Amino acid sequence: MTTVNAYAATSAKGPLERVAIERREVGPRDVGIEIKFCGICHSDIHTVRGEWGPATYPLAPGHEIAGIVTSVGAEVTRHAVGDRVGVGCMVGSCRECASCVAGEEQYCLKGNTMTYGSVDTDGTVTQGGYSTHVVVAEDFVVRVPDGLALDAAAPLLCAGITTYSPLRRWGAGPGQKVAVVGLGGLGHMAVKIAHAMGAEVTVLSQSLKKREDGLRLGADHYYATSDRATFKQLAGSFDLIINTVSAELPIDRYLSLLKVYGTMVNVGAPAEPLELNAFSLILKGRSFAGSTIGGIRETQEMLDFCAEHGIGAEIEVIDADRINDAYERVLSSDVRYRFVIDTSTLT
């Protein structure tokens, strides 16, 4: 084991603190990575505060990792020392089930190993990217193309793939009208990616205060959902709606905005159950779906797509000692649009 510096939660109630954590030695098929940047995802906050179930402490979160390969195992073929790489939400899966064989490790039928808070194969609890170094199986490390800056690329490992995957699956592209609910960490990436795919993009936000940003990022239209007239004006307009909001919404009202056979996909993960009337789906053949991240192959595809189209996250880079302040700002929606930790400040 190697000891490295990290920021971790030591309880569900207290602030994150500077701690030392252990990383395993680099095995034959492992990649050792010096972490340069790590994004702060809203799910980090949910997890360390025990809002999605009990956590094991101390727990260093972080699954939007960008860094440089510093060592490789003897059997590694995909990566070399000096490579620019990323690690997302997963660091392991069974590799044998139908989902894994299909390249959909995020839906591993035996349960995948998450980047932090999961029990690893050696019985230890995985620790995330709020740290200086990490060791990951080569199959779960992706290449960051040269066209992407590492700091702006880090959030793509979660926010990017979380929105790219459903946009690709449900066919966002020329001739398609796509609505994005919420313009936050996920929403701003959905706007950028849907625009690059060629879709006509509309942002549905509670107010118009981010309208200028939304149009700059690639939206064609921007509406306030606090105005009830919006739902009448846009009824039956969209082929696809991507809901990025992790809060309870009047789902039936949003479903009314879909065309016949349109689909609304939830990528936001509210703690409370969502309610809908079945007739909102039945009468127009509409679908209400969910989507998590993507598999490793699709994550690499997303990074290559973003590099080709010059897409990175809109970020605010912070030192590690500002993580707790950043959490409070995320909760009050005071970030445009992703905090990224400069992990060199942990050394």
Protein backbone atom coordinates (compact mmCIF):
# COMPACT_ATOMS: atom_id res chain seq x y z
CA MET A 1 0.00 0.00 0.00
CA THR A 2 1.01 3.60 -0.68
CA THR A 3 -0.20 6.51 1.45
CA VAL A 4 -1.43 9.62 -0.39
CA ASN A 5 -3.05 12.90 0.59
CA ALA A 6 -6.79 13.38 0.17
CA TYR A 7 -9.84 15.34 1.27
CA ALA A 8 -12.47 13.11 2.83
CA ALA A 9 -15.67 13.12 4.83
CA THR A 10 -15.24 11.56 8.27
CA SER A 11 -18.97 11.60 9.05
CA ALA A 12 -22.27 12.43 7.38
CA LYS A 13 -22.58 15.69 9.30
CA GLY A 14 -19.12 17.19 9.45
CA PRO A 15 -17.01 19.00 6.86
CA LEU A 16 -14.53 17.25 4.62
CA GLU A 17 -11.02 17.20 6.05
CA ARG A 18 -7.48 16.68 4.84
CA VAL A 19 -6.55 13.05 5.53
CA ALA A 20 -4.14 10.35 4.39
CA ILE A 21 -5.57 7.36 2.51
CA GLU A 22 -4.00 4.19 1.16
CA ARG A 23 -3.74 3.16 -2.47
CA ARG A 24 -2.91 -0.38 -3.53
CA GLU A 25 0.31 -1.15 -5.31
CA VAL A 26 0.12 -1.19 -9.11
CA GLY A 27 -0.76 -4.74 -10.18
CA PRO A 28 -0.06 -6.43 -13.53
CA ARG A 29 -3.13 -4.91 -15.20
CA ASP A 30 -3.32 -1.66 -13.24
CA VAL A 31 -2.52 1.93 -14.12
CA GLY A 32 -1.08 4.36 -11.57
CA ILE A 33 -2.31 7.92 -12.12
CA GLU A 34 -1.22 11.25 -10.70
CA ILE A 35 -4.50 13.13 -10.41
CA LYS A 36 -4.28 16.67 -11.73
CA PHE A 37 -7.93 17.72 -11.50
CA CYS A 38 -11.16 16.33 -10.08
CA GLY A 39 -14.65 17.74 -10.61
CA ILE A 40 -17.20 18.16 -7.84
CA CYS A 41 -20.47 16.41 -8.69
CA HIS A 42 -23.73 16.92 -6.78
CA SER A 43 -23.77 13.17 -6.20
CA ASP A 44 -20.56 13.55 -4.17
CA ILE A 45 -22.55 15.65 -1.70
CA HIS A 46 -25.49 13.24 -1.60
CA THR A 47 -23.15 10.31 -0.96
CA VAL A 48 -20.89 11.72 1.75
CA ARG A 49 -23.91 13.10 3.62
CA GLY A 50 -25.59 9.70 3.63
CA GLU A 51 -28.56 10.90 1.58
CA TRP A 52 -28.43 7.91 -0.76
CA GLY A 53 -27.80 5.37 1.99
CA PRO A 54 -25.21 4.70 4.70
CA ALA A 55 -21.59 5.46 3.82
CA THR A 56 -18.35 4.07 5.19
CA TYR A 57 -16.03 6.75 6.57
CA PRO A 58 -13.54 8.19 6.02
CA LEU A 59 -14.69 8.60 2.42
CA ALA A 60 -12.88 10.60 -0.27
CA PRO A 61 -15.39 11.30 -3.05
CA GLY A 62 -14.71 12.32 -6.63
CA HIS A 63 -15.44 10.51 -9.90
CA GLU A 64 -14.50 13.15 -12.46
CA ILE A 65 -10.77 12.45 -12.53
CA ALA A 66 -8.21 13.72 -15.03
CA GLY A 67 -4.51 13.08 -14.70
CA ILE A 68 -1.26 11.66 -16.03
CA VAL A 69 -0.16 8.01 -16.03
CA THR A 70 2.86 7.55 -13.77
CA SER A 71 3.20 3.76 -13.82
CA VAL A 72 1.71 0.72 -15.53
CA GLY A 73 1.58 -2.98 -14.75
CA ALA A 74 3.52 -5.53 -16.77
CA GLU A 75 0.42 -6.70 -18.67
CA VAL A 76 -1.01 -3.26 -19.48
CA THR A 77 -1.38 -2.59 -23.22
CA ARG A 78 -3.81 0.34 -23.46
CA HIS A 79 -1.89 3.03 -21.59
CA ALA A 80 1.69 4.18 -21.11
CA VAL A 81 3.57 6.41 -18.70
CA GLY A 82 2.93 10.03 -19.60
CA ASP A 83 -0.51 9.48 -21.13
CA ARG A 84 -3.31 11.95 -20.38
CA VAL A 85 -6.15 9.89 -18.94
CA GLY A 86 -9.44 10.03 -17.13
CA VAL A 87 -11.40 7.93 -14.67
CA GLY A 88 -15.14 8.26 -14.30
CA CYS A 89 -17.77 6.75 -12.03
CA MET A 90 -16.64 3.11 -12.26
CA VAL A 91 -13.38 1.30 -11.54
CA GLY A 92 -14.54 -2.28 -11.96
CA SER A 93 -17.26 -4.71 -13.03
CA CYS A 94 -17.63 -8.46 -13.52
CA ARG A 95 -16.64 -8.20 -17.22
CA GLU A 96 -18.61 -11.40 -17.88
CA CYS A 97 -22.35 -10.65 -17.79
CA ALA A 98 -24.40 -9.69 -20.85
CA SER A 99 -24.18 -5.98 -19.98
CA CYS A 100 -20.40 -6.00 -19.58
CA VAL A 101 -19.87 -8.01 -22.77
CA ALA A 102 -22.02 -5.45 -24.60
CA GLY A 103 -19.84 -2.62 -23.29
CA GLU A 104 -22.50 -1.45 -20.83
CA GLU A 105 -20.52 -1.89 -17.63
CA GLN A 106 -22.65 0.75 -15.93
CA TYR A 107 -25.46 -1.84 -15.94
CA CYS A 108 -23.31 -4.78 -14.80
CA LEU A 109 -25.73 -7.49 -13.69
CA LYS A 110 -23.51 -8.42 -10.77
CA GLY A 111 -23.01 -4.80 -9.72
CA ASN A 112 -20.10 -2.64 -10.77
CA THR A 113 -17.45 -1.17 -8.49
CA MET A 114 -17.92 2.55 -8.13
CA THR A 115 -14.95 4.90 -7.94
CA TYR A 116 -15.65 5.66 -4.31
CA GLY A 117 -17.75 4.08 -1.59
CA SER A 118 -17.80 0.58 -3.12
CA VAL A 119 -16.28 -2.61 -1.76
CA ASP A 120 -13.38 -3.48 -4.03
CA THR A 121 -12.18 -6.97 -4.95
CA ASP A 122 -9.68 -6.93 -2.09
CA GLY A 123 -12.37 -6.02 0.45
CA THR A 124 -11.31 -2.40 0.88
CA VAL A 125 -13.63 0.54 0.26
CA THR A 126 -12.79 2.50 -2.88
CA GLN A 127 -11.66 6.09 -2.46
CA GLY A 128 -12.22 8.75 -5.11
CA GLY A 129 -10.46 11.57 -6.86
CA TYR A 130 -10.24 14.19 -4.13
CA SER A 131 -6.67 12.95 -3.75
CA THR A 132 -3.26 13.13 -5.38
CA HIS A 133 -3.00 9.62 -6.85
CA VAL A 134 -5.15 6.63 -7.73
CA VAL A 135 -4.60 3.09 -9.02
CA VAL A 136 -7.20 1.76 -11.46
CA ALA A 137 -7.56 -1.34 -13.64
CA GLU A 138 -6.58 -0.40 -17.20
CA ASP A 139 -10.01 -1.41 -18.58
CA PHE A 140 -11.59 1.47 -16.65
CA VAL A 141 -9.12 4.18 -17.67
CA VAL A 142 -9.91 6.29 -20.74
CA ARG A 143 -7.72 8.47 -22.91
CA VAL A 144 -8.13 12.25 -22.77
CA PRO A 145 -7.50 13.56 -26.31
CA ASP A 146 -4.87 16.25 -26.74
CA GLY A 147 -7.53 18.73 -27.83
CA LEU A 148 -9.06 18.82 -24.36
CA ALA A 149 -7.53 20.68 -21.41
CA LEU A 150 -7.37 18.38 -18.39
CA ASP A 151 -9.24 20.75 -16.08
CA ALA A 152 -12.17 21.26 -18.49
CA ALA A 153 -12.13 17.55 -19.38
CA ALA A 154 -12.52 16.30 -15.80
CA PRO A 155 -16.30 16.96 -15.53
CA LEU A 156 -16.84 15.15 -18.82
CA LEU A 157 -16.14 11.89 -16.98
CA CYS A 158 -19.53 12.21 -15.27
CA ALA A 159 -21.51 15.24 -16.45
CA GLY A 160 -20.39 14.74 -20.03
CA ILE A 161 -21.16 11.05 -20.37
CA THR A 162 -24.35 11.29 -18.30
CA THR A 163 -25.82 13.63 -20.90
CA TYR A 164 -24.07 12.31 -24.03
CA SER A 165 -25.37 8.77 -23.50
CA PRO A 166 -29.13 9.50 -23.62
CA LEU A 167 -28.70 12.11 -26.35
CA ARG A 168 -26.96 9.52 -28.49
CA ARG A 169 -29.31 6.67 -27.57
CA TRP A 170 -32.47 8.63 -28.35
CA GLY A 171 -31.11 10.07 -31.57
CA ALA A 172 -30.48 13.75 -30.95
CA GLY A 173 -29.41 15.26 -34.22
CA PRO A 174 -30.46 17.36 -37.22
CA GLY A 175 -34.23 17.73 -37.46
CA GLN A 176 -34.73 16.80 -33.79
CA LYS A 177 -36.05 19.22 -31.18
CA VAL A 178 -34.40 18.64 -27.80
CA ALA A 179 -35.30 20.33 -24.52
CA VAL A 180 -32.93 20.42 -21.55
CA VAL A 181 -34.50 20.92 -18.14
CA GLY A 182 -32.13 22.86 -15.89
CA LEU A 183 -28.92 24.68 -16.75
CA GLY A 184 -26.49 23.42 -14.14
CA GLY A 185 -23.54 21.04 -14.13
CA LEU A 186 -25.39 18.43 -16.18
CA GLY A 187 -27.64 20.79 -18.11
CA HIS A 188 -24.91 22.96 -19.55
CA MET A 189 -23.17 19.86 -20.91
CA ALA A 190 -26.44 18.59 -22.40
CA VAL A 191 -26.87 21.91 -24.21
CA LYS A 192 -23.34 21.89 -25.61
CA ILE A 193 -23.48 18.27 -26.74
CA ALA A 194 -27.01 18.38 -28.22
CA HIS A 195 -26.05 21.52 -30.15
CA ALA A 196 -22.90 19.84 -31.49
CA MET A 197 -25.02 16.85 -32.56
CA GLY A 198 -27.09 19.21 -34.71
CA ALA A 199 -30.33 19.28 -32.73
CA GLU A 200 -32.48 22.36 -32.14
CA VAL A 201 -31.99 22.96 -28.43
CA THR A 202 -34.31 24.62 -25.92
CA VAL A 203 -33.47 25.24 -22.27
CA LEU A 204 -36.30 24.98 -19.75
CA SER A 205 -35.18 26.72 -16.58
CA GLN A 206 -37.10 28.03 -13.61
CA SER A 207 -36.18 31.60 -14.47
CA LEU A 208 -34.50 33.55 -17.25
CA LYS A 209 -31.47 34.60 -15.20
CA LYS A 210 -29.14 32.25 -17.11
CA ARG A 211 -30.66 32.93 -20.52
CA GLU A 212 -27.59 34.71 -21.87
CA ASP A 213 -25.39 31.80 -20.81
CA GLY A 214 -27.74 29.23 -22.31
CA LEU A 215 -27.75 30.91 -25.70
CA ARG A 216 -23.96 31.32 -25.58
CA LEU A 217 -23.53 27.62 -24.83
CA GLY A 218 -25.57 26.60 -27.86
CA ALA A 219 -29.27 26.78 -27.00
CA ASP A 220 -31.56 28.10 -29.71
CA HIS A 221 -34.35 29.00 -27.28
CA TYR A 222 -34.72 29.61 -23.55
CA TYR A 223 -37.94 29.58 -21.51
CA ALA A 224 -38.85 30.08 -17.87
CA THR A 225 -40.88 27.21 -16.40
CA SER A 226 -42.11 29.47 -13.61
CA ASP A 227 -44.28 31.09 -16.29
CA ARG A 228 -47.29 28.79 -16.76
CA ALA A 229 -47.73 30.17 -20.28
CA THR A 230 -44.52 28.33 -21.24
CA PHE A 231 -46.26 24.97 -21.02
CA LYS A 232 -49.16 26.10 -23.18
CA GLN A 233 -46.89 27.69 -25.75
CA LEU A 234 -44.58 24.66 -26.06
CA ALA A 235 -47.15 21.85 -25.76
CA GLY A 236 -46.32 18.96 -28.10
CA SER A 237 -43.06 20.56 -29.28
CA PHE A 238 -40.19 18.20 -28.46
CA ASP A 239 -38.88 14.88 -29.67
CA LEU A 240 -36.70 14.48 -26.58
CA ILE A 241 -36.49 16.07 -23.15
CA ILE A 242 -33.43 15.55 -20.96
CA ASN A 243 -34.28 16.30 -17.32
CA THR A 244 -31.09 17.14 -15.43
CA VAL A 245 -32.77 18.44 -12.26
CA SER A 246 -32.32 16.50 -9.01
CA ALA A 247 -35.55 17.78 -7.52
CA GLU A 248 -39.23 16.90 -7.59
CA LEU A 249 -40.92 18.27 -10.70
CA PRO A 250 -44.51 18.18 -12.05
CA ILE A 251 -43.67 15.41 -14.48
CA ASP A 252 -47.06 15.40 -16.23
CA ARG A 253 -46.61 19.04 -17.15
CA TYR A 254 -43.25 18.31 -18.76
CA LEU A 255 -44.55 15.23 -20.54
CA SER A 256 -47.17 17.45 -22.18
CA LEU A 257 -44.33 19.18 -24.02
CA LEU A 258 -43.46 16.01 -25.96
CA LYS A 259 -44.60 15.21 -29.45
CA VAL A 260 -46.39 11.95 -30.21
CA TYR A 261 -43.89 9.14 -29.43
CA GLY A 262 -41.56 11.63 -27.75
CA THR A 263 -39.38 10.63 -24.81
CA MET A 264 -38.46 12.32 -21.55
CA VAL A 265 -35.28 10.97 -19.97
CA ASN A 266 -34.39 11.53 -16.32
CA VAL A 267 -30.69 11.86 -15.56
CA GLY A 268 -31.18 13.95 -12.44
CA ALA A 269 -31.64 11.82 -9.31
CA PRO A 270 -34.02 13.39 -6.77
CA ALA A 271 -34.15 11.78 -3.36
CA GLU A 272 -37.97 11.72 -3.36
CA PRO A 273 -40.15 9.59 -5.69
CA LEU A 274 -41.58 11.24 -8.79
CA GLU A 275 -45.28 11.03 -9.62
CA LEU A 276 -46.98 10.93 -12.99
CA ASN A 277 -50.36 10.12 -14.50
CA ALA A 278 -50.27 7.13 -16.84
CA PHE A 279 -52.50 8.98 -19.31
CA SER A 280 -49.68 11.48 -19.85
CA LEU A 281 -47.87 8.61 -21.57
CA ILE A 282 -50.70 6.53 -23.00
CA LEU A 283 -52.65 9.13 -24.94
CA LYS A 284 -49.70 10.26 -27.07
CA GLY A 285 -47.52 7.15 -27.04
CA ARG A 286 -44.92 9.00 -25.02
CA SER A 287 -42.13 7.40 -22.98
CA PHE A 288 -40.60 8.30 -19.63
CA ALA A 289 -37.12 6.81 -19.23
CA GLY A 290 -34.05 6.92 -17.07
CA SER A 291 -30.37 6.86 -17.88
CA THR A 292 -27.22 6.73 -15.82
CA ILE A 293 -23.68 7.13 -17.16
CA GLY A 294 -22.30 5.24 -20.16
CA GLY A 295 -19.98 2.29 -20.53
CA ILE A 296 -16.23 2.68 -20.94
CA ARG A 297 -16.38 2.39 -24.73
CA GLU A 298 -19.07 5.07 -24.95
CA THR A 299 -17.18 7.29 -22.50
CA GLN A 300 -14.17 7.20 -24.80
CA GLU A 301 -16.46 7.95 -27.74
CA MET A 302 -17.84 10.94 -25.84
CA LEU A 303 -14.36 12.31 -25.09
CA ASP A 304 -13.36 11.96 -28.73
CA PHE A 305 -16.59 13.70 -29.80
CA CYS A 306 -15.98 16.55 -27.37
CA ALA A 307 -12.39 16.97 -28.57
CA GLU A 308 -13.56 17.01 -32.19
CA HIS A 309 -16.14 19.70 -31.44
CA GLY A 310 -14.09 21.72 -28.96
CA ILE A 311 -16.39 20.95 -26.05
CA GLY A 312 -15.21 21.21 -22.45
CA ALA A 313 -17.05 21.95 -19.24
CA GLU A 314 -17.52 25.51 -18.00
CA ILE A 315 -15.47 25.40 -14.80
CA GLU A 316 -14.28 27.23 -11.73
CA VAL A 317 -10.97 25.76 -10.54
CA ILE A 318 -10.49 25.77 -6.76
CA ASP A 319 -7.87 24.77 -4.22
CA ALA A 320 -8.66 21.75 -2.06
CA ASP A 321 -9.19 23.84 1.06
CA ARG A 322 -12.22 25.43 -0.61
CA ILE A 323 -14.11 22.15 -1.11
CA ASN A 324 -16.50 22.69 1.80
CA ASP A 325 -17.34 26.18 0.59
CA ALA A 326 -17.87 24.78 -2.90
CA TYR A 327 -20.35 22.23 -1.54
CA GLU A 328 -22.46 24.99 -0.04
CA ARG A 329 -22.31 26.93 -3.28
CA VAL A 330 -23.41 23.87 -5.27
CA LEU A 331 -26.39 23.47 -2.96
CA SER A 332 -27.35 27.10 -3.51
CA SER A 333 -26.81 26.82 -7.30
CA ASP A 334 -23.97 29.34 -7.10
CA VAL A 335 -21.62 27.84 -9.67
CA ARG A 336 -21.33 28.25 -13.42
CA TYR A 337 -21.10 25.41 -14.02
CA ARG A 338 -18.74 22.94 -12.40
CA PHE A 339 -16.21 23.23 -9.61
CA VAL A 340 -12.92 21.48 -10.39
CA ILE A 341 -10.33 20.82 -7.68
CA ASP A 342 -6.69 21.49 -8.47
CA THR A 343 -5.33 18.45 -6.66
CA SER A 344 -1.78 19.81 -6.68
CA THR A 345 -2.97 21.88 -3.69
CA LEU A 346 -3.14 18.62 -1.69
CA THR A 347 0.60 18.04 -1.85
